[in-house]
Amino acid sequence: MSNRVYHSRRLTFVRDIPKSYKFIQNSQDVEWIKDYLGKSKTEDYETFFIKQNTDGDITSAYGLTNSVPYMDKRAYKIRIGSKAFRV
């Protein structure tokens, strides 16, 4: 299974993220996500929005460069490879 991370070129803001995504700001969860995806790919992100399936696996994520999800702030879409992960 692949654990590739792809960054979207489409400009997205926090206000564009669907309400079905969960905001993650707990430092332990954030660090775990960074470790899993790779520090070099996530080092600029302080918080994440994640979408999970019914099993709790993360299927999609956005990274934010600040800790407060202001609606006008840029969100960076992270497309996750075929391997899902849990928080």
PDB file of N, CA and C in Angstrom:
ATOM      1  N   MET A   1       0.832  -1.191   0.000  1.00  0.00           N
ATOM      2  CA  MET A   1       0.000   0.000   0.000  1.00  0.00           C
ATOM      3  C   MET A   1       0.869   1.244   0.000  1.00  0.00           C
ATOM      4  N   SER A   2       0.385   2.253  -0.661  1.00  0.00           N
ATOM      5  CA  SER A   2       1.127   3.502  -0.765  1.00  0.00           C
ATOM      6  C   SER A   2       0.758   4.455   0.358  1.00  0.00           C
ATOM      7  N   ASN A   3       1.718   5.243   0.783  1.00  0.00           N
ATOM      8  CA  ASN A   3       1.476   6.258   1.803  1.00  0.00           C
ATOM      9  C   ASN A   3       1.880   7.620   1.245  1.00  0.00           C
ATOM     10  N   ARG A   4       1.615   7.840  -0.024  1.00  0.00           N
ATOM     11  CA  ARG A   4       1.985   9.078  -0.688  1.00  0.00           C
ATOM     12  C   ARG A   4       1.076  10.212  -0.258  1.00  0.00           C
ATOM     13  N   VAL A   5       1.652  11.405  -0.207  1.00  0.00           N
ATOM     14  CA  VAL A   5       0.889  12.605   0.120  1.00  0.00           C
ATOM     15  C   VAL A   5       1.003  13.547  -1.065  1.00  0.00           C
ATOM     16  N   TYR A   6      -0.116  14.044  -1.534  1.00  0.00           N
ATOM     17  CA  TYR A   6      -0.142  14.959  -2.661  1.00  0.00           C
ATOM     18  C   TYR A   6      -0.743  16.277  -2.209  1.00  0.00           C
ATOM     19  N   HIS A   7      -0.178  17.367  -2.654  1.00  0.00           N
ATOM     20  CA  HIS A   7      -0.701  18.684  -2.314  1.00  0.00           C
ATOM     21  C   HIS A   7      -1.445  19.254  -3.518  1.00  0.00           C
ATOM     22  N   SER A   8      -2.645  19.713  -3.296  1.00  0.00           N
ATOM     23  CA  SER A   8      -3.470  20.260  -4.362  1.00  0.00           C
ATOM     24  C   SER A   8      -2.991  21.648  -4.750  1.00  0.00           C
ATOM     25  N   ARG A   9      -3.118  21.983  -6.009  1.00  0.00           N
ATOM     26  CA  ARG A   9      -2.772  23.319  -6.489  1.00  0.00           C
ATOM     27  C   ARG A   9      -3.968  24.272  -6.409  1.00  0.00           C
ATOM     28  N   ARG A  10      -5.148  23.731  -6.153  1.00  0.00           N
ATOM     29  CA  ARG A  10      -6.358  24.541  -6.072  1.00  0.00           C
ATOM     30  C   ARG A  10      -6.336  25.365  -4.786  1.00  0.00           C
ATOM     31  N   LEU A  11      -6.630  26.650  -4.900  1.00  0.00           N
ATOM     32  CA  LEU A  11      -6.649  27.541  -3.745  1.00  0.00           C
ATOM     33  C   LEU A  11      -7.896  27.262  -2.911  1.00  0.00           C
ATOM     34  N   THR A  12      -7.691  26.931  -1.647  1.00  0.00           N
ATOM     35  CA  THR A  12      -8.777  26.615  -0.733  1.00  0.00           C
ATOM     36  C   THR A  12      -8.607  27.420   0.542  1.00  0.00           C
ATOM     37  N   PHE A  13      -9.717  27.883   1.079  1.00  0.00           N
ATOM     38  CA  PHE A  13      -9.718  28.603   2.344  1.00  0.00           C
ATOM     39  C   PHE A  13     -10.493  27.793   3.374  1.00  0.00           C
ATOM     40  N   VAL A  14     -10.305  28.107   4.645  1.00  0.00           N
ATOM     41  CA  VAL A  14     -11.006  27.394   5.709  1.00  0.00           C
ATOM     42  C   VAL A  14     -12.514  27.417   5.462  1.00  0.00           C
ATOM     43  N   ARG A  15     -13.034  28.524   4.994  1.00  0.00           N
ATOM     44  CA  ARG A  15     -14.483  28.624   4.748  1.00  0.00           C
ATOM     45  C   ARG A  15     -14.972  27.640   3.684  1.00  0.00           C
ATOM     46  N   ASP A  16     -14.063  27.133   2.835  1.00  0.00           N
ATOM     47  CA  ASP A  16     -14.425  26.197   1.762  1.00  0.00           C
ATOM     48  C   ASP A  16     -14.450  24.743   2.219  1.00  0.00           C
ATOM     49  N   ILE A  17     -13.908  24.465   3.400  1.00  0.00           N
ATOM     50  CA  ILE A  17     -13.839  23.081   3.880  1.00  0.00           C
ATOM     51  C   ILE A  17     -15.232  22.632   4.329  1.00  0.00           C
ATOM     52  N   PRO A  18     -15.700  21.502   3.824  1.00  0.00           N
ATOM     53  CA  PRO A  18     -17.033  21.019   4.216  1.00  0.00           C
ATOM     54  C   PRO A  18     -17.143  20.802   5.728  1.00  0.00           C
ATOM     55  N   LYS A  19     -18.332  20.980   6.251  1.00  0.00           N
ATOM     56  CA  LYS A  19     -18.569  20.833   7.687  1.00  0.00           C
ATOM     57  C   LYS A  19     -18.384  19.402   8.171  1.00  0.00           C
ATOM     58  N   SER A  20     -18.317  18.463   7.253  1.00  0.00           N
ATOM     59  CA  SER A  20     -18.112  17.064   7.638  1.00  0.00           C
ATOM     60  C   SER A  20     -16.671  16.785   8.084  1.00  0.00           C
ATOM     61  N   TYR A  21     -15.765  17.730   7.883  1.00  0.00           N
ATOM     62  CA  TYR A  21     -14.367  17.565   8.306  1.00  0.00           C
ATOM     63  C   TYR A  21     -14.225  17.952   9.775  1.00  0.00           C
ATOM     64  N   LYS A  22     -13.378  17.221  10.493  1.00  0.00           N
ATOM     65  CA  LYS A  22     -13.136  17.455  11.916  1.00  0.00           C
ATOM     66  C   LYS A  22     -11.844  18.262  12.082  1.00  0.00           C
ATOM     67  N   PHE A  23     -11.895  19.293  12.912  1.00  0.00           N
ATOM     68  CA  PHE A  23     -10.722  20.127  13.168  1.00  0.00           C
ATOM     69  C   PHE A  23      -9.853  19.476  14.236  1.00  0.00           C
ATOM     70  N   ILE A  24      -8.563  19.312  13.935  1.00  0.00           N
ATOM     71  CA  ILE A  24      -7.613  18.692  14.862  1.00  0.00           C
ATOM     72  C   ILE A  24      -6.583  19.735  15.273  1.00  0.00           C
ATOM     73  N   GLN A  25      -6.562  20.046  16.584  1.00  0.00           N
ATOM     74  CA  GLN A  25      -5.572  20.987  17.088  1.00  0.00           C
ATOM     75  C   GLN A  25      -4.828  20.460  18.311  1.00  0.00           C
ATOM     76  N   ASN A  26      -5.269  19.329  18.837  1.00  0.00           N
ATOM     77  CA  ASN A  26      -4.590  18.707  19.969  1.00  0.00           C
ATOM     78  C   ASN A  26      -3.165  18.374  19.553  1.00  0.00           C
ATOM     79  N   SER A  27      -2.191  18.829  20.329  1.00  0.00           N
ATOM     80  CA  SER A  27      -0.789  18.691  19.938  1.00  0.00           C
ATOM     81  C   SER A  27      -0.367  17.236  19.731  1.00  0.00           C
ATOM     82  N   GLN A  28      -0.894  16.324  20.528  1.00  0.00           N
ATOM     83  CA  GLN A  28      -0.528  14.917  20.362  1.00  0.00           C
ATOM     84  C   GLN A  28      -1.070  14.350  19.055  1.00  0.00           C
ATOM     85  N   ASP A  29      -2.316  14.682  18.719  1.00  0.00           N
ATOM     86  CA  ASP A  29      -2.899  14.214  17.462  1.00  0.00           C
ATOM     87  C   ASP A  29      -2.198  14.838  16.262  1.00  0.00           C
ATOM     88  N   VAL A  30      -1.893  16.120  16.364  1.00  0.00           N
ATOM     89  CA  VAL A  30      -1.194  16.820  15.281  1.00  0.00           C
ATOM     90  C   VAL A  30       0.181  16.193  15.057  1.00  0.00           C
ATOM     91  N   GLU A  31       0.909  15.925  16.111  1.00  0.00           N
ATOM     92  CA  GLU A  31       2.243  15.322  15.984  1.00  0.00           C
ATOM     93  C   GLU A  31       2.162  13.923  15.392  1.00  0.00           C
ATOM     94  N   TRP A  32       1.145  13.164  15.779  1.00  0.00           N
ATOM     95  CA  TRP A  32       0.978  11.822  15.226  1.00  0.00           C
ATOM     96  C   TRP A  32       0.723  11.886  13.721  1.00  0.00           C
ATOM     97  N   ILE A  33      -0.142  12.805  13.301  1.00  0.00           N
ATOM     98  CA  ILE A  33      -0.428  12.978  11.870  1.00  0.00           C
ATOM     99  C   ILE A  33       0.843  13.371  11.131  1.00  0.00           C
ATOM    100  N   LYS A  34       1.610  14.293  11.696  1.00  0.00           N
ATOM    101  CA  LYS A  34       2.868  14.715  11.071  1.00  0.00           C
ATOM    102  C   LYS A  34       3.849  13.552  10.958  1.00  0.00           C
ATOM    103  N   ASP A  35       3.962  12.754  12.009  1.00  0.00           N
ATOM    104  CA  ASP A  35       4.858  11.600  11.972  1.00  0.00           C
ATOM    105  C   ASP A  35       4.423  10.604  10.903  1.00  0.00           C
ATOM    106  N   TYR A  36       3.145  10.366  10.827  1.00  0.00           N
ATOM    107  CA  TYR A  36       2.622   9.379   9.890  1.00  0.00           C
ATOM    108  C   TYR A  36       2.815   9.814   8.442  1.00  0.00           C
ATOM    109  N   LEU A  37       2.493  11.077   8.155  1.00  0.00           N
ATOM    110  CA  LEU A  37       2.588  11.569   6.781  1.00  0.00           C
ATOM    111  C   LEU A  37       4.016  11.945   6.396  1.00  0.00           C
ATOM    112  N   GLY A  38       4.851  12.170   7.378  1.00  0.00           N
ATOM    113  CA  GLY A  38       6.230  12.574   7.126  1.00  0.00           C
ATOM    114  C   GLY A  38       6.438  14.026   7.510  1.00  0.00           C
ATOM    115  N   LYS A  39       7.387  14.244   8.403  1.00  0.00           N
ATOM    116  CA  LYS A  39       7.649  15.609   8.901  1.00  0.00           C
ATOM    117  C   LYS A  39       7.980  16.581   7.770  1.00  0.00           C
ATOM    118  N   SER A  40       8.722  16.120   6.775  1.00  0.00           N
ATOM    119  CA  SER A  40       9.120  17.024   5.694  1.00  0.00           C
ATOM    120  C   SER A  40       7.924  17.512   4.873  1.00  0.00           C
ATOM    121  N   LYS A  41       6.857  16.722   4.824  1.00  0.00           N
ATOM    122  CA  LYS A  41       5.672  17.091   4.057  1.00  0.00           C
ATOM    123  C   LYS A  41       4.673  17.900   4.864  1.00  0.00           C
ATOM    124  N   THR A  42       4.794  17.873   6.196  1.00  0.00           N
ATOM    125  CA  THR A  42       3.786  18.513   7.042  1.00  0.00           C
ATOM    126  C   THR A  42       4.372  19.530   8.011  1.00  0.00           C
ATOM    127  N   GLU A  43       5.666  19.806   7.900  1.00  0.00           N
ATOM    128  CA  GLU A  43       6.336  20.658   8.884  1.00  0.00           C
ATOM    129  C   GLU A  43       5.748  22.064   8.983  1.00  0.00           C
ATOM    130  N   ASP A  44       5.132  22.563   7.927  1.00  0.00           N
ATOM    131  CA  ASP A  44       4.572  23.917   7.949  1.00  0.00           C
ATOM    132  C   ASP A  44       3.176  23.982   8.560  1.00  0.00           C
ATOM    133  N   TYR A  45       2.557  22.840   8.826  1.00  0.00           N
ATOM    134  CA  TYR A  45       1.184  22.814   9.320  1.00  0.00           C
ATOM    135  C   TYR A  45       1.137  22.721  10.836  1.00  0.00           C
ATOM    136  N   GLU A  46       0.287  23.557  11.445  1.00  0.00           N
ATOM    137  CA  GLU A  46       0.095  23.539  12.895  1.00  0.00           C
ATOM    138  C   GLU A  46      -1.170  22.789  13.296  1.00  0.00           C
ATOM    139  N   THR A  47      -2.148  22.762  12.400  1.00  0.00           N
ATOM    140  CA  THR A  47      -3.422  22.097  12.670  1.00  0.00           C
ATOM    141  C   THR A  47      -3.926  21.443  11.388  1.00  0.00           C
ATOM    142  N   PHE A  48      -4.938  20.601  11.532  1.00  0.00           N
ATOM    143  CA  PHE A  48      -5.490  19.876  10.388  1.00  0.00           C
ATOM    144  C   PHE A  48      -7.010  19.825  10.460  1.00  0.00           C
ATOM    145  N   PHE A  49      -7.639  19.733   9.307  1.00  0.00           N
ATOM    146  CA  PHE A  49      -9.029  19.324   9.180  1.00  0.00           C
ATOM    147  C   PHE A  49      -8.977  17.951   8.542  1.00  0.00           C
ATOM    148  N   ILE A  50      -9.709  16.989   9.107  1.00  0.00           N
ATOM    149  CA  ILE A  50      -9.690  15.632   8.568  1.00  0.00           C
ATOM    150  C   ILE A  50     -11.108  15.130   8.309  1.00  0.00           C
ATOM    151  N   LYS A  51     -11.208  14.237   7.356  1.00  0.00           N
ATOM    152  CA  LYS A  51     -12.469  13.555   7.065  1.00  0.00           C
ATOM    153  C   LYS A  51     -12.227  12.073   7.301  1.00  0.00           C
ATOM    154  N   GLN A  52     -13.171  11.437   8.015  1.00  0.00           N
ATOM    155  CA  GLN A  52     -13.034  10.028   8.347  1.00  0.00           C
ATOM    156  C   GLN A  52     -14.183   9.223   7.774  1.00  0.00           C
ATOM    157  N   ASN A  53     -13.914   7.951   7.484  1.00  0.00           N
ATOM    158  CA  ASN A  53     -14.994   7.068   7.069  1.00  0.00           C
ATOM    159  C   ASN A  53     -15.659   6.476   8.308  1.00  0.00           C
ATOM    160  N   THR A  54     -16.608   5.586   8.126  1.00  0.00           N
ATOM    161  CA  THR A  54     -17.370   5.047   9.262  1.00  0.00           C
ATOM    162  C   THR A  54     -16.511   4.193  10.196  1.00  0.00           C
ATOM    163  N   ASP A  55     -15.374   3.699   9.705  1.00  0.00           N
ATOM    164  CA  ASP A  55     -14.456   2.923  10.540  1.00  0.00           C
ATOM    165  C   ASP A  55     -13.492   3.809  11.324  1.00  0.00           C
ATOM    166  N   GLY A  56     -13.532   5.108  11.076  1.00  0.00           N
ATOM    167  CA  GLY A  56     -12.627   6.024  11.750  1.00  0.00           C
ATOM    168  C   GLY A  56     -11.337   6.288  11.000  1.00  0.00           C
ATOM    169  N   ASP A  57     -11.182   5.696   9.824  1.00  0.00           N
ATOM    170  CA  ASP A  57      -9.993   5.929   9.016  1.00  0.00           C
ATOM    171  C   ASP A  57     -10.055   7.307   8.365  1.00  0.00           C
ATOM    172  N   ILE A  58      -8.925   7.988   8.306  1.00  0.00           N
ATOM    173  CA  ILE A  58      -8.870   9.302   7.662  1.00  0.00           C
ATOM    174  C   ILE A  58      -8.751   9.099   6.166  1.00  0.00           C
ATOM    175  N   THR A  59      -9.652   9.715   5.422  1.00  0.00           N
ATOM    176  CA  THR A  59      -9.672   9.574   3.974  1.00  0.00           C
ATOM    177  C   THR A  59      -9.234  10.843   3.259  1.00  0.00           C
ATOM    178  N   SER A  60      -9.244  11.968   3.966  1.00  0.00           N
ATOM    179  CA  SER A  60      -8.882  13.236   3.356  1.00  0.00           C
ATOM    180  C   SER A  60      -8.455  14.205   4.455  1.00  0.00           C
ATOM    181  N   ALA A  61      -7.553  15.134   4.116  1.00  0.00           N
ATOM    182  CA  ALA A  61      -7.068  16.080   5.125  1.00  0.00           C
ATOM    183  C   ALA A  61      -6.672  17.404   4.496  1.00  0.00           C
ATOM    184  N   TYR A  62      -6.800  18.461   5.292  1.00  0.00           N
ATOM    185  CA  TYR A  62      -6.306  19.787   4.956  1.00  0.00           C
ATOM    186  C   TYR A  62      -5.347  20.212   6.058  1.00  0.00           C
ATOM    187  N   GLY A  63      -4.241  20.848   5.697  1.00  0.00           N
ATOM    188  CA  GLY A  63      -3.310  21.384   6.668  1.00  0.00           C
ATOM    189  C   GLY A  63      -3.426  22.897   6.744  1.00  0.00           C
ATOM    190  N   LEU A  64      -3.274  23.444   7.953  1.00  0.00           N
ATOM    191  CA  LEU A  64      -3.301  24.897   8.155  1.00  0.00           C
ATOM    192  C   LEU A  64      -1.975  25.332   8.756  1.00  0.00           C
ATOM    193  N   THR A  65      -1.507  26.496   8.337  1.00  0.00           N
ATOM    194  CA  THR A  65      -0.218  26.997   8.825  1.00  0.00           C
ATOM    195  C   THR A  65      -0.359  27.790  10.109  1.00  0.00           C
ATOM    196  N   ASN A  66      -1.550  27.917  10.616  1.00  0.00           N
ATOM    197  CA  ASN A  66      -1.760  28.611  11.896  1.00  0.00           C
ATOM    198  C   ASN A  66      -2.640  27.740  12.790  1.00  0.00           C
ATOM    199  N   SER A  67      -2.687  28.080  14.062  1.00  0.00           N
ATOM    200  CA  SER A  67      -3.422  27.236  15.005  1.00  0.00           C
ATOM    201  C   SER A  67      -4.898  27.600  15.135  1.00  0.00           C
ATOM    202  N   VAL A  68      -5.280  28.768  14.647  1.00  0.00           N
ATOM    203  CA  VAL A  68      -6.674  29.197  14.721  1.00  0.00           C
ATOM    204  C   VAL A  68      -7.270  29.148  13.307  1.00  0.00           C
ATOM    205  N   PRO A  69      -8.390  28.436  13.132  1.00  0.00           N
ATOM    206  CA  PRO A  69      -8.954  28.268  11.787  1.00  0.00           C
ATOM    207  C   PRO A  69      -9.817  29.454  11.336  1.00  0.00           C
ATOM    208  N   TYR A  70      -9.197  30.618  11.176  1.00  0.00           N
ATOM    209  CA  TYR A  70      -9.932  31.777  10.665  1.00  0.00           C
ATOM    210  C   TYR A  70     -10.467  31.471   9.271  1.00  0.00           C
ATOM    211  N   MET A  71     -11.688  31.886   9.000  1.00  0.00           N
ATOM    212  CA  MET A  71     -12.358  31.558   7.746  1.00  0.00           C
ATOM    213  C   MET A  71     -11.615  32.040   6.510  1.00  0.00           C
ATOM    214  N   ASP A  72     -10.865  33.128   6.613  1.00  0.00           N
ATOM    215  CA  ASP A  72     -10.178  33.684   5.444  1.00  0.00           C
ATOM    216  C   ASP A  72      -8.744  33.176   5.291  1.00  0.00           C
ATOM    217  N   LYS A  73      -8.346  32.194   6.106  1.00  0.00           N
ATOM    218  CA  LYS A  73      -6.995  31.634   6.024  1.00  0.00           C
ATOM    219  C   LYS A  73      -6.927  30.512   4.993  1.00  0.00           C
ATOM    220  N   ARG A  74      -5.777  30.363   4.386  1.00  0.00           N
ATOM    221  CA  ARG A  74      -5.542  29.338   3.375  1.00  0.00           C
ATOM    222  C   ARG A  74      -5.482  27.962   4.029  1.00  0.00           C
ATOM    223  N   ALA A  75      -6.097  26.991   3.396  1.00  0.00           N
ATOM    224  CA  ALA A  75      -6.040  25.594   3.819  1.00  0.00           C
ATOM    225  C   ALA A  75      -5.419  24.793   2.676  1.00  0.00           C
ATOM    226  N   TYR A  76      -4.518  23.898   3.004  1.00  0.00           N
ATOM    227  CA  TYR A  76      -3.794  23.132   1.999  1.00  0.00           C
ATOM    228  C   TYR A  76      -4.296  21.697   1.978  1.00  0.00           C
ATOM    229  N   LYS A  77      -4.905  21.324   0.868  1.00  0.00           N
ATOM    230  CA  LYS A  77      -5.469  19.978   0.708  1.00  0.00           C
ATOM    231  C   LYS A  77      -4.349  18.963   0.641  1.00  0.00           C
ATOM    232  N   ILE A  78      -4.462  17.915   1.434  1.00  0.00           N
ATOM    233  CA  ILE A  78      -3.510  16.824   1.422  1.00  0.00           C
ATOM    234  C   ILE A  78      -4.269  15.580   0.993  1.00  0.00           C
ATOM    235  N   ARG A  79      -3.970  15.096  -0.178  1.00  0.00           N
ATOM    236  CA  ARG A  79      -4.605  13.881  -0.665  1.00  0.00           C
ATOM    237  C   ARG A  79      -3.772  12.702  -0.210  1.00  0.00           C
ATOM    238  N   ILE A  80      -4.380  11.790   0.459  1.00  0.00           N
ATOM    239  CA  ILE A  80      -3.679  10.665   1.060  1.00  0.00           C
ATOM    240  C   ILE A  80      -3.720   9.484   0.107  1.00  0.00           C
ATOM    241  N   GLY A  81      -2.597   8.767   0.010  1.00  0.00           N
ATOM    242  CA  GLY A  81      -2.520   7.579  -0.831  1.00  0.00           C
ATOM    243  C   GLY A  81      -3.522   6.525  -0.398  1.00  0.00           C
ATOM    244  N   SER A  82      -3.382   5.331  -0.896  1.00  0.00           N
ATOM    245  CA  SER A  82      -4.380   4.278  -0.651  1.00  0.00           C
ATOM    246  C   SER A  82      -4.409   3.799   0.794  1.00  0.00           C
ATOM    247  N   LYS A  83      -3.388   4.093   1.587  1.00  0.00           N
ATOM    248  CA  LYS A  83      -3.379   3.647   2.980  1.00  0.00           C
ATOM    249  C   LYS A  83      -4.050   4.687   3.857  1.00  0.00           C
ATOM    250  N   ALA A  84      -5.129   4.334   4.498  1.00  0.00           N
ATOM    251  CA  ALA A  84      -5.808   5.248   5.429  1.00  0.00           C
ATOM    252  C   ALA A  84      -5.186   5.097   6.804  1.00  0.00           C
ATOM    253  N   PHE A  85      -5.430   6.060   7.677  1.00  0.00           N
ATOM    254  CA  PHE A  85      -4.894   5.985   9.022  1.00  0.00           C
ATOM    255  C   PHE A  85      -5.896   6.527  10.008  1.00  0.00           C
ATOM    256  N   ARG A  86      -5.702   6.213  11.269  1.00  0.00           N
ATOM    257  CA  ARG A  86      -6.629   6.615  12.319  1.00  0.00           C
ATOM    258  C   ARG A  86      -5.966   7.583  13.290  1.00  0.00           C
ATOM    259  N   VAL A  87      -6.795   8.440  13.892  1.00  0.00           N
ATOM    260  CA  VAL A  87      -6.336   9.330  14.974  1.00  0.00           C
ATOM    261  C   VAL A  87      -6.962   8.831  16.244  1.00  0.00           C
TER     262      VAL A  87
END
